[in-house]
Amino acid sequence: MTRGAQTRPGQGRARAYHRDVTTPSSAEPAVWRTLLRAQVLISRRLQALLLAEHDLALGSYEVLRHLGESPNGKLRMNDLADRVLLSRSGLTRLVDRMQREGLVARASCASDARGLFAVLTPAGRARLDAATPTYQQAVREYLLSRLDQDDLEQFGVILDKLADEPACVP
């Protein structure tokens, strides 16, 4: 096993594949920069396309998509913020804008007077339905079509490792 790859006491499986960060390989900074660059470039292209064709920002599309996939088209605001990777205040501002556009509404939670739901409106569903084929085609064009089947499988394994949060986050 390579240095830093072994599991130390108290570490779970998620940590087992991490290298010792005090001795980075020469490739690590380049890999990190390339990951950031690829993510930003793909996101910018998706954002530009969704804005041009559907007057819909990428973050708004993500909110609509998560609401559209949820039962009854609604999610608690806290859960939605976690899914779209925004702070609670950031999601509140985004939902405020989307509510003004008629894409979502807010509803109180019967079981928790302090809780609020974001709810997909018919106009939001229509915008989501119109934008989804554009989004899916762009993801295929900007990412998936550039990888063969072996690349896709390997990429999936790598992304699963990266998305597997450690048991204890500092």
N, C-alpha and C. Protein backbone atom coordinates (compact mmCIF):
# COMPACT_ATOMS: atom_id res chain seq x y z
N MET A 1 0.84 -1.17 0.00
CA MET A 1 0.00 0.00 0.00
C MET A 1 0.89 1.24 0.00
N THR A 2 0.49 2.28 -0.72
CA THR A 2 1.31 3.49 -0.80
C THR A 2 1.16 4.32 0.45
N ARG A 3 2.15 5.15 0.69
CA ARG A 3 2.13 6.01 1.87
C ARG A 3 0.88 6.89 1.85
N GLY A 4 0.18 6.94 2.95
CA GLY A 4 -1.02 7.77 3.05
C GLY A 4 -2.27 7.06 2.58
N ALA A 5 -2.15 5.92 1.91
CA ALA A 5 -3.31 5.22 1.39
C ALA A 5 -3.90 4.27 2.42
N GLN A 6 -3.14 3.93 3.44
CA GLN A 6 -3.68 3.01 4.43
C GLN A 6 -4.63 3.73 5.38
N THR A 7 -5.53 2.97 5.93
CA THR A 7 -6.52 3.53 6.84
C THR A 7 -5.91 3.63 8.23
N ARG A 8 -6.01 4.81 8.82
CA ARG A 8 -5.55 5.01 10.19
C ARG A 8 -6.68 4.69 11.14
N PRO A 9 -6.39 4.40 12.39
CA PRO A 9 -7.48 4.14 13.35
C PRO A 9 -8.46 5.31 13.37
N GLY A 10 -9.74 4.96 13.40
CA GLY A 10 -10.77 6.00 13.45
C GLY A 10 -11.20 6.49 12.09
N GLN A 11 -10.54 6.03 11.03
CA GLN A 11 -10.93 6.46 9.69
C GLN A 11 -11.83 5.42 9.07
N GLY A 12 -12.81 5.87 8.33
CA GLY A 12 -13.70 4.96 7.62
C GLY A 12 -13.19 4.67 6.23
N ARG A 13 -13.97 3.89 5.49
CA ARG A 13 -13.61 3.52 4.13
C ARG A 13 -13.40 4.73 3.24
N ALA A 14 -14.18 5.78 3.45
CA ALA A 14 -14.10 6.96 2.60
C ALA A 14 -12.72 7.60 2.62
N ARG A 15 -12.01 7.49 3.71
CA ARG A 15 -10.69 8.10 3.84
C ARG A 15 -9.57 7.19 3.32
N ALA A 16 -9.84 5.92 3.11
CA ALA A 16 -8.78 4.96 2.80
C ALA A 16 -8.02 5.29 1.53
N TYR A 17 -8.62 5.93 0.56
CA TYR A 17 -7.95 6.18 -0.71
C TYR A 17 -7.25 7.53 -0.76
N HIS A 18 -7.33 8.33 0.27
CA HIS A 18 -6.70 9.65 0.28
C HIS A 18 -5.20 9.55 0.51
N ARG A 19 -4.46 10.33 -0.26
CA ARG A 19 -3.01 10.39 -0.09
C ARG A 19 -2.66 11.28 1.09
N ASP A 20 -1.45 11.12 1.57
CA ASP A 20 -0.92 11.99 2.61
C ASP A 20 -0.70 13.36 1.96
N VAL A 21 -1.46 14.37 2.35
CA VAL A 21 -1.39 15.67 1.69
C VAL A 21 -0.10 16.43 1.96
N THR A 22 0.71 15.95 2.90
CA THR A 22 1.97 16.65 3.16
C THR A 22 3.02 16.32 2.12
N THR A 23 2.80 15.28 1.32
CA THR A 23 3.76 14.91 0.28
C THR A 23 3.03 14.73 -1.06
N PRO A 24 2.53 15.83 -1.65
CA PRO A 24 1.79 15.70 -2.91
C PRO A 24 2.71 15.29 -4.05
N SER A 25 2.15 14.50 -4.96
CA SER A 25 2.91 14.16 -6.15
C SER A 25 2.93 15.38 -7.06
N SER A 26 3.83 15.37 -8.02
CA SER A 26 3.94 16.52 -8.93
C SER A 26 2.70 16.67 -9.81
N ALA A 27 1.94 15.60 -9.98
CA ALA A 27 0.74 15.66 -10.83
C ALA A 27 -0.46 16.25 -10.11
N GLU A 28 -0.48 16.23 -8.79
CA GLU A 28 -1.67 16.63 -8.06
C GLU A 28 -2.13 18.05 -8.31
N PRO A 29 -1.24 19.06 -8.27
CA PRO A 29 -1.74 20.42 -8.55
C PRO A 29 -2.34 20.55 -9.95
N ALA A 30 -1.75 19.90 -10.92
CA ALA A 30 -2.26 19.97 -12.29
C ALA A 30 -3.62 19.29 -12.40
N VAL A 31 -3.78 18.15 -11.74
CA VAL A 31 -5.06 17.45 -11.77
C VAL A 31 -6.15 18.32 -11.13
N TRP A 32 -5.82 18.92 -10.00
CA TRP A 32 -6.78 19.79 -9.31
C TRP A 32 -7.18 20.96 -10.19
N ARG A 33 -6.21 21.63 -10.79
CA ARG A 33 -6.51 22.79 -11.65
C ARG A 33 -7.34 22.36 -12.86
N THR A 34 -7.05 21.21 -13.42
CA THR A 34 -7.81 20.72 -14.57
C THR A 34 -9.25 20.40 -14.18
N LEU A 35 -9.44 19.80 -13.01
CA LEU A 35 -10.79 19.52 -12.52
C LEU A 35 -11.58 20.82 -12.38
N LEU A 36 -10.99 21.81 -11.75
CA LEU A 36 -11.67 23.10 -11.58
C LEU A 36 -11.98 23.75 -12.92
N ARG A 37 -11.00 23.72 -13.82
CA ARG A 37 -11.19 24.33 -15.15
C ARG A 37 -12.32 23.64 -15.91
N ALA A 38 -12.33 22.31 -15.91
CA ALA A 38 -13.36 21.56 -16.63
C ALA A 38 -14.75 21.87 -16.05
N GLN A 39 -14.85 21.88 -14.74
CA GLN A 39 -16.14 22.15 -14.10
C GLN A 39 -16.63 23.55 -14.44
N VAL A 40 -15.76 24.53 -14.38
CA VAL A 40 -16.15 25.91 -14.67
C VAL A 40 -16.53 26.07 -16.15
N LEU A 41 -15.73 25.50 -17.04
CA LEU A 41 -16.03 25.63 -18.48
C LEU A 41 -17.36 24.97 -18.84
N ILE A 42 -17.60 23.78 -18.34
CA ILE A 42 -18.86 23.10 -18.64
C ILE A 42 -20.03 23.87 -18.05
N SER A 43 -19.89 24.32 -16.80
CA SER A 43 -20.97 25.10 -16.17
C SER A 43 -21.24 26.39 -16.92
N ARG A 44 -20.21 27.09 -17.34
CA ARG A 44 -20.40 28.34 -18.10
C ARG A 44 -21.13 28.08 -19.41
N ARG A 45 -20.75 27.02 -20.10
CA ARG A 45 -21.40 26.71 -21.37
C ARG A 45 -22.87 26.35 -21.15
N LEU A 46 -23.15 25.54 -20.13
CA LEU A 46 -24.53 25.19 -19.81
C LEU A 46 -25.34 26.45 -19.45
N GLN A 47 -24.74 27.30 -18.62
CA GLN A 47 -25.40 28.54 -18.21
C GLN A 47 -25.73 29.40 -19.43
N ALA A 48 -24.76 29.60 -20.30
CA ALA A 48 -24.98 30.45 -21.47
C ALA A 48 -26.07 29.88 -22.37
N LEU A 49 -26.06 28.58 -22.56
CA LEU A 49 -27.05 27.94 -23.42
C LEU A 49 -28.46 28.04 -22.82
N LEU A 50 -28.58 27.74 -21.53
CA LEU A 50 -29.90 27.81 -20.89
C LEU A 50 -30.43 29.24 -20.87
N LEU A 51 -29.54 30.20 -20.65
CA LEU A 51 -29.99 31.61 -20.66
C LEU A 51 -30.42 32.01 -22.07
N ALA A 52 -29.63 31.65 -23.07
CA ALA A 52 -29.94 32.05 -24.45
C ALA A 52 -31.23 31.40 -24.97
N GLU A 53 -31.41 30.13 -24.67
CA GLU A 53 -32.55 29.41 -25.25
C GLU A 53 -33.80 29.40 -24.38
N HIS A 54 -33.64 29.57 -23.06
CA HIS A 54 -34.80 29.44 -22.17
C HIS A 54 -34.90 30.54 -21.12
N ASP A 55 -34.00 31.53 -21.19
CA ASP A 55 -33.96 32.61 -20.20
C ASP A 55 -33.98 32.03 -18.79
N LEU A 56 -33.11 31.03 -18.57
CA LEU A 56 -33.09 30.30 -17.31
C LEU A 56 -31.64 30.07 -16.90
N ALA A 57 -31.26 30.58 -15.73
CA ALA A 57 -29.91 30.38 -15.22
C ALA A 57 -29.74 28.92 -14.79
N LEU A 58 -28.51 28.45 -14.80
CA LEU A 58 -28.21 27.07 -14.43
C LEU A 58 -28.69 26.76 -13.01
N GLY A 59 -28.47 27.66 -12.07
CA GLY A 59 -28.92 27.44 -10.69
C GLY A 59 -30.44 27.31 -10.61
N SER A 60 -31.14 28.11 -11.38
CA SER A 60 -32.61 28.03 -11.41
C SER A 60 -33.06 26.72 -12.03
N TYR A 61 -32.37 26.28 -13.07
CA TYR A 61 -32.69 24.99 -13.67
C TYR A 61 -32.54 23.88 -12.64
N GLU A 62 -31.45 23.91 -11.87
CA GLU A 62 -31.21 22.89 -10.85
C GLU A 62 -32.32 22.87 -9.81
N VAL A 63 -32.77 24.04 -9.39
CA VAL A 63 -33.88 24.11 -8.43
C VAL A 63 -35.13 23.48 -9.05
N LEU A 64 -35.46 23.86 -10.28
CA LEU A 64 -36.64 23.31 -10.95
C LEU A 64 -36.51 21.81 -11.12
N ARG A 65 -35.33 21.33 -11.48
CA ARG A 65 -35.12 19.88 -11.68
C ARG A 65 -35.35 19.11 -10.38
N HIS A 66 -34.79 19.59 -9.28
CA HIS A 66 -34.98 18.89 -8.01
C HIS A 66 -36.43 18.92 -7.57
N LEU A 67 -37.09 20.05 -7.75
CA LEU A 67 -38.51 20.11 -7.41
C LEU A 67 -39.32 19.20 -8.31
N GLY A 68 -38.97 19.18 -9.59
CA GLY A 68 -39.69 18.33 -10.55
C GLY A 68 -39.54 16.85 -10.27
N GLU A 69 -38.43 16.46 -9.65
CA GLU A 69 -38.19 15.05 -9.33
C GLU A 69 -38.74 14.66 -7.97
N SER A 70 -39.20 15.62 -7.20
CA SER A 70 -39.67 15.33 -5.84
C SER A 70 -41.17 15.03 -5.84
N PRO A 71 -41.62 14.28 -4.83
CA PRO A 71 -43.06 14.01 -4.72
C PRO A 71 -43.86 15.31 -4.60
N ASN A 72 -44.91 15.40 -5.35
CA ASN A 72 -45.80 16.58 -5.34
C ASN A 72 -45.10 17.86 -5.76
N GLY A 73 -43.91 17.77 -6.33
CA GLY A 73 -43.21 18.96 -6.81
C GLY A 73 -42.82 19.93 -5.72
N LYS A 74 -42.56 19.41 -4.52
CA LYS A 74 -42.17 20.32 -3.44
C LYS A 74 -41.11 19.69 -2.57
N LEU A 75 -40.29 20.57 -2.00
CA LEU A 75 -39.22 20.17 -1.07
C LEU A 75 -39.11 21.22 0.02
N ARG A 76 -38.73 20.77 1.21
CA ARG A 76 -38.42 21.73 2.27
C ARG A 76 -37.23 22.56 1.81
N MET A 77 -37.23 23.81 2.16
CA MET A 77 -36.16 24.72 1.73
C MET A 77 -34.79 24.21 2.16
N ASN A 78 -34.66 23.70 3.39
CA ASN A 78 -33.38 23.18 3.86
C ASN A 78 -32.89 22.02 3.00
N ASP A 79 -33.79 21.10 2.66
CA ASP A 79 -33.43 19.95 1.83
C ASP A 79 -33.04 20.40 0.43
N LEU A 80 -33.78 21.35 -0.11
CA LEU A 80 -33.48 21.87 -1.43
C LEU A 80 -32.10 22.54 -1.46
N ALA A 81 -31.80 23.32 -0.44
CA ALA A 81 -30.48 23.98 -0.36
C ALA A 81 -29.37 22.94 -0.37
N ASP A 82 -29.54 21.85 0.36
CA ASP A 82 -28.54 20.79 0.38
C ASP A 82 -28.39 20.15 -1.00
N ARG A 83 -29.48 19.96 -1.70
CA ARG A 83 -29.43 19.29 -3.01
C ARG A 83 -28.79 20.16 -4.08
N VAL A 84 -29.03 21.45 -4.04
CA VAL A 84 -28.47 22.34 -5.07
C VAL A 84 -27.14 22.96 -4.63
N LEU A 85 -26.67 22.55 -3.45
CA LEU A 85 -25.36 22.97 -2.94
C LEU A 85 -25.26 24.48 -2.77
N LEU A 86 -26.31 25.06 -2.19
CA LEU A 86 -26.32 26.49 -1.86
C LEU A 86 -26.49 26.65 -0.36
N SER A 87 -26.04 27.78 0.14
CA SER A 87 -26.32 28.12 1.53
C SER A 87 -27.82 28.37 1.66
N ARG A 88 -28.32 28.35 2.87
CA ARG A 88 -29.74 28.62 3.09
C ARG A 88 -30.09 30.03 2.59
N SER A 89 -29.24 31.00 2.89
CA SER A 89 -29.53 32.36 2.45
C SER A 89 -29.42 32.49 0.93
N GLY A 90 -28.47 31.79 0.34
CA GLY A 90 -28.33 31.83 -1.12
C GLY A 90 -29.55 31.23 -1.80
N LEU A 91 -30.05 30.13 -1.26
CA LEU A 91 -31.26 29.53 -1.83
C LEU A 91 -32.45 30.45 -1.63
N THR A 92 -32.56 31.07 -0.48
CA THR A 92 -33.67 31.99 -0.23
C THR A 92 -33.70 33.10 -1.28
N ARG A 93 -32.54 33.69 -1.56
CA ARG A 93 -32.49 34.75 -2.58
C ARG A 93 -32.87 34.21 -3.96
N LEU A 94 -32.38 33.02 -4.31
CA LEU A 94 -32.71 32.43 -5.61
C LEU A 94 -34.20 32.13 -5.69
N VAL A 95 -34.77 31.54 -4.66
CA VAL A 95 -36.21 31.23 -4.67
C VAL A 95 -37.04 32.51 -4.70
N ASP A 96 -36.57 33.56 -4.04
CA ASP A 96 -37.27 34.86 -4.13
C ASP A 96 -37.38 35.30 -5.59
N ARG A 97 -36.26 35.24 -6.32
CA ARG A 97 -36.27 35.65 -7.74
C ARG A 97 -37.18 34.74 -8.56
N MET A 98 -37.08 33.45 -8.31
CA MET A 98 -37.90 32.49 -9.06
C MET A 98 -39.39 32.65 -8.73
N GLN A 99 -39.68 33.02 -7.50
CA GLN A 99 -41.08 33.25 -7.12
C GLN A 99 -41.62 34.48 -7.84
N ARG A 100 -40.81 35.53 -7.95
CA ARG A 100 -41.24 36.73 -8.70
C ARG A 100 -41.51 36.40 -10.16
N GLU A 101 -40.79 35.42 -10.70
CA GLU A 101 -40.99 35.00 -12.10
C GLU A 101 -42.15 34.01 -12.24
N GLY A 102 -42.71 33.58 -11.13
CA GLY A 102 -43.84 32.64 -11.16
C GLY A 102 -43.44 31.19 -11.36
N LEU A 103 -42.14 30.87 -11.18
CA LEU A 103 -41.67 29.50 -11.41
C LEU A 103 -41.84 28.61 -10.19
N VAL A 104 -41.80 29.19 -9.01
CA VAL A 104 -41.99 28.46 -7.76
C VAL A 104 -42.87 29.28 -6.84
N ALA A 105 -43.40 28.60 -5.85
CA ALA A 105 -44.16 29.26 -4.79
C ALA A 105 -43.63 28.72 -3.47
N ARG A 106 -44.00 29.39 -2.41
CA ARG A 106 -43.64 28.91 -1.07
C ARG A 106 -44.93 28.43 -0.40
N ALA A 107 -44.78 27.40 0.42
CA ALA A 107 -45.91 26.90 1.20
C ALA A 107 -45.41 26.57 2.59
N SER A 108 -46.23 26.83 3.59
CA SER A 108 -45.83 26.52 4.95
C SER A 108 -45.97 25.02 5.19
N CYS A 109 -45.22 24.56 6.15
CA CYS A 109 -45.21 23.15 6.52
C CYS A 109 -46.18 22.94 7.67
N ALA A 110 -47.15 22.07 7.49
CA ALA A 110 -48.17 21.84 8.51
C ALA A 110 -47.58 21.25 9.79
N SER A 111 -46.52 20.44 9.66
CA SER A 111 -45.95 19.79 10.84
C SER A 111 -44.90 20.65 11.56
N ASP A 112 -44.46 21.75 10.92
CA ASP A 112 -43.45 22.61 11.52
C ASP A 112 -43.75 24.05 11.11
N ALA A 113 -44.25 24.84 12.03
CA ALA A 113 -44.66 26.21 11.70
C ALA A 113 -43.52 27.05 11.16
N ARG A 114 -42.27 26.70 11.50
CA ARG A 114 -41.13 27.46 11.00
C ARG A 114 -40.65 26.97 9.64
N GLY A 115 -41.08 25.78 9.25
CA GLY A 115 -40.60 25.19 8.00
C GLY A 115 -41.35 25.71 6.79
N LEU A 116 -40.63 25.83 5.70
CA LEU A 116 -41.23 26.26 4.43
C LEU A 116 -40.87 25.27 3.34
N PHE A 117 -41.80 25.11 2.41
CA PHE A 117 -41.57 24.32 1.22
C PHE A 117 -41.39 25.25 0.03
N ALA A 118 -40.54 24.86 -0.90
CA ALA A 118 -40.53 25.45 -2.24
C ALA A 118 -41.39 24.51 -3.08
N VAL A 119 -42.28 25.09 -3.87
CA VAL A 119 -43.24 24.30 -4.65
C VAL A 119 -43.15 24.70 -6.11
N LEU A 120 -43.05 23.71 -6.96
CA LEU A 120 -43.01 23.94 -8.40
C LEU A 120 -44.39 24.38 -8.90
N THR A 121 -44.44 25.49 -9.62
CA THR A 121 -45.71 25.97 -10.18
C THR A 121 -45.89 25.38 -11.57
N PRO A 122 -47.10 25.49 -12.14
CA PRO A 122 -47.28 25.04 -13.52
C PRO A 122 -46.33 25.76 -14.50
N ALA A 123 -46.10 27.05 -14.28
CA ALA A 123 -45.16 27.78 -15.15
C ALA A 123 -43.74 27.25 -14.97
N GLY A 124 -43.38 26.89 -13.74
CA GLY A 124 -42.06 26.31 -13.49
C GLY A 124 -41.93 24.95 -14.15
N ARG A 125 -42.98 24.14 -14.09
CA ARG A 125 -42.97 22.82 -14.74
C ARG A 125 -42.82 22.99 -16.25
N ALA A 126 -43.53 23.95 -16.82
CA ALA A 126 -43.43 24.18 -18.27
C ALA A 126 -42.01 24.60 -18.66
N ARG A 127 -41.42 25.49 -17.88
CA ARG A 127 -40.05 25.94 -18.18
C ARG A 127 -39.07 24.79 -18.03
N LEU A 128 -39.24 23.97 -16.99
CA LEU A 128 -38.38 22.81 -16.78
C LEU A 128 -38.52 21.84 -17.95
N ASP A 129 -39.74 21.54 -18.36
CA ASP A 129 -39.97 20.62 -19.46
C ASP A 129 -39.36 21.13 -20.77
N ALA A 130 -39.43 22.43 -20.98
CA ALA A 130 -38.85 23.01 -22.20
C ALA A 130 -37.32 23.00 -22.16
N ALA A 131 -36.73 23.24 -20.98
CA ALA A 131 -35.27 23.36 -20.88
C ALA A 131 -34.56 22.02 -20.75
N THR A 132 -35.23 20.99 -20.27
CA THR A 132 -34.56 19.71 -20.01
C THR A 132 -33.93 19.09 -21.25
N PRO A 133 -34.59 19.03 -22.39
CA PRO A 133 -33.90 18.46 -23.56
C PRO A 133 -32.64 19.26 -23.94
N THR A 134 -32.69 20.56 -23.82
CA THR A 134 -31.52 21.40 -24.10
C THR A 134 -30.40 21.06 -23.13
N TYR A 135 -30.73 20.97 -21.87
CA TYR A 135 -29.75 20.65 -20.82
C TYR A 135 -29.13 19.27 -21.08
N GLN A 136 -29.98 18.27 -21.31
CA GLN A 136 -29.48 16.91 -21.52
C GLN A 136 -28.59 16.82 -22.76
N GLN A 137 -28.99 17.46 -23.84
CA GLN A 137 -28.17 17.45 -25.06
C GLN A 137 -26.83 18.13 -24.82
N ALA A 138 -26.83 19.23 -24.09
CA ALA A 138 -25.59 19.94 -23.81
C ALA A 138 -24.66 19.10 -22.93
N VAL A 139 -25.20 18.42 -21.94
CA VAL A 139 -24.37 17.54 -21.10
C VAL A 139 -23.75 16.44 -21.94
N ARG A 140 -24.53 15.88 -22.85
CA ARG A 140 -23.98 14.86 -23.75
C ARG A 140 -22.87 15.45 -24.61
N GLU A 141 -23.13 16.64 -25.18
CA GLU A 141 -22.15 17.25 -26.08
C GLU A 141 -20.88 17.70 -25.35
N TYR A 142 -21.03 18.36 -24.21
CA TYR A 142 -19.89 18.96 -23.52
C TYR A 142 -19.10 17.96 -22.69
N LEU A 143 -19.73 16.84 -22.32
CA LEU A 143 -19.04 15.90 -21.44
C LEU A 143 -19.11 14.46 -21.93
N LEU A 144 -20.30 13.89 -21.95
CA LEU A 144 -20.45 12.46 -22.15
C LEU A 144 -19.94 11.96 -23.50
N SER A 145 -20.15 12.73 -24.56
CA SER A 145 -19.72 12.29 -25.89
C SER A 145 -18.20 12.28 -26.04
N ARG A 146 -17.50 12.92 -25.14
CA ARG A 146 -16.04 12.98 -25.19
C ARG A 146 -15.38 11.78 -24.52
N LEU A 147 -16.20 10.92 -23.92
CA LEU A 147 -15.69 9.76 -23.19
C LEU A 147 -16.22 8.48 -23.82
N ASP A 148 -15.34 7.47 -23.96
CA ASP A 148 -15.84 6.17 -24.42
C ASP A 148 -16.42 5.42 -23.22
N GLN A 149 -16.93 4.22 -23.46
CA GLN A 149 -17.61 3.47 -22.40
C GLN A 149 -16.68 3.19 -21.22
N ASP A 150 -15.44 2.81 -21.49
CA ASP A 150 -14.49 2.56 -20.40
C ASP A 150 -14.21 3.83 -19.60
N ASP A 151 -14.06 4.96 -20.33
CA ASP A 151 -13.85 6.25 -19.65
C ASP A 151 -15.03 6.59 -18.74
N LEU A 152 -16.24 6.38 -19.26
CA LEU A 152 -17.44 6.70 -18.48
C LEU A 152 -17.51 5.88 -17.20
N GLU A 153 -17.21 4.57 -17.31
CA GLU A 153 -17.24 3.72 -16.13
C GLU A 153 -16.18 4.14 -15.12
N GLN A 154 -14.98 4.41 -15.59
CA GLN A 154 -13.89 4.83 -14.71
C GLN A 154 -14.20 6.20 -14.09
N PHE A 155 -14.72 7.11 -14.90
CA PHE A 155 -15.09 8.44 -14.42
C PHE A 155 -16.16 8.35 -13.33
N GLY A 156 -17.13 7.46 -13.54
CA GLY A 156 -18.17 7.24 -12.53
C GLY A 156 -17.59 6.77 -11.21
N VAL A 157 -16.65 5.85 -11.26
CA VAL A 157 -16.00 5.36 -10.05
C VAL A 157 -15.25 6.49 -9.36
N ILE A 158 -14.52 7.28 -10.13
CA ILE A 158 -13.76 8.39 -9.57
C ILE A 158 -14.69 9.42 -8.93
N LEU A 159 -15.76 9.77 -9.63
CA LEU A 159 -16.70 10.74 -9.07
C LEU A 159 -17.38 10.22 -7.82
N ASP A 160 -17.69 8.93 -7.78
CA ASP A 160 -18.25 8.36 -6.56
C ASP A 160 -17.30 8.53 -5.39
N LYS A 161 -16.02 8.31 -5.62
CA LYS A 161 -15.02 8.50 -4.56
C LYS A 161 -14.99 9.96 -4.11
N LEU A 162 -15.04 10.86 -5.05
CA LEU A 162 -14.98 12.29 -4.71
C LEU A 162 -16.23 12.76 -4.00
N ALA A 163 -17.36 12.19 -4.33
CA ALA A 163 -18.63 12.60 -3.71
C ALA A 163 -18.91 11.88 -2.40
N ASP A 164 -18.09 10.90 -2.06
CA ASP A 164 -18.26 10.14 -0.82
C ASP A 164 -17.66 10.96 0.31
N GLU A 165 -18.52 11.69 1.02
CA GLU A 165 -18.04 12.58 2.08
C GLU A 165 -17.48 11.77 3.23
N PRO A 166 -16.38 12.26 3.81
CA PRO A 166 -15.85 11.59 5.00
C PRO A 166 -16.83 11.66 6.15
N ALA A 167 -16.71 10.70 7.05
CA ALA A 167 -17.64 10.62 8.19
C ALA A 167 -17.56 11.86 9.07
N CYS A 168 -16.40 12.47 9.18
CA CYS A 168 -16.23 13.63 10.04
C CYS A 168 -15.58 14.74 9.23
N VAL A 169 -16.36 15.77 8.93
CA VAL A 169 -15.85 16.90 8.16
C VAL A 169 -15.41 17.98 9.14
N PRO A 170 -14.16 18.46 8.98
CA PRO A 170 -13.69 19.49 9.93
C PRO A 170 -14.44 20.79 9.80
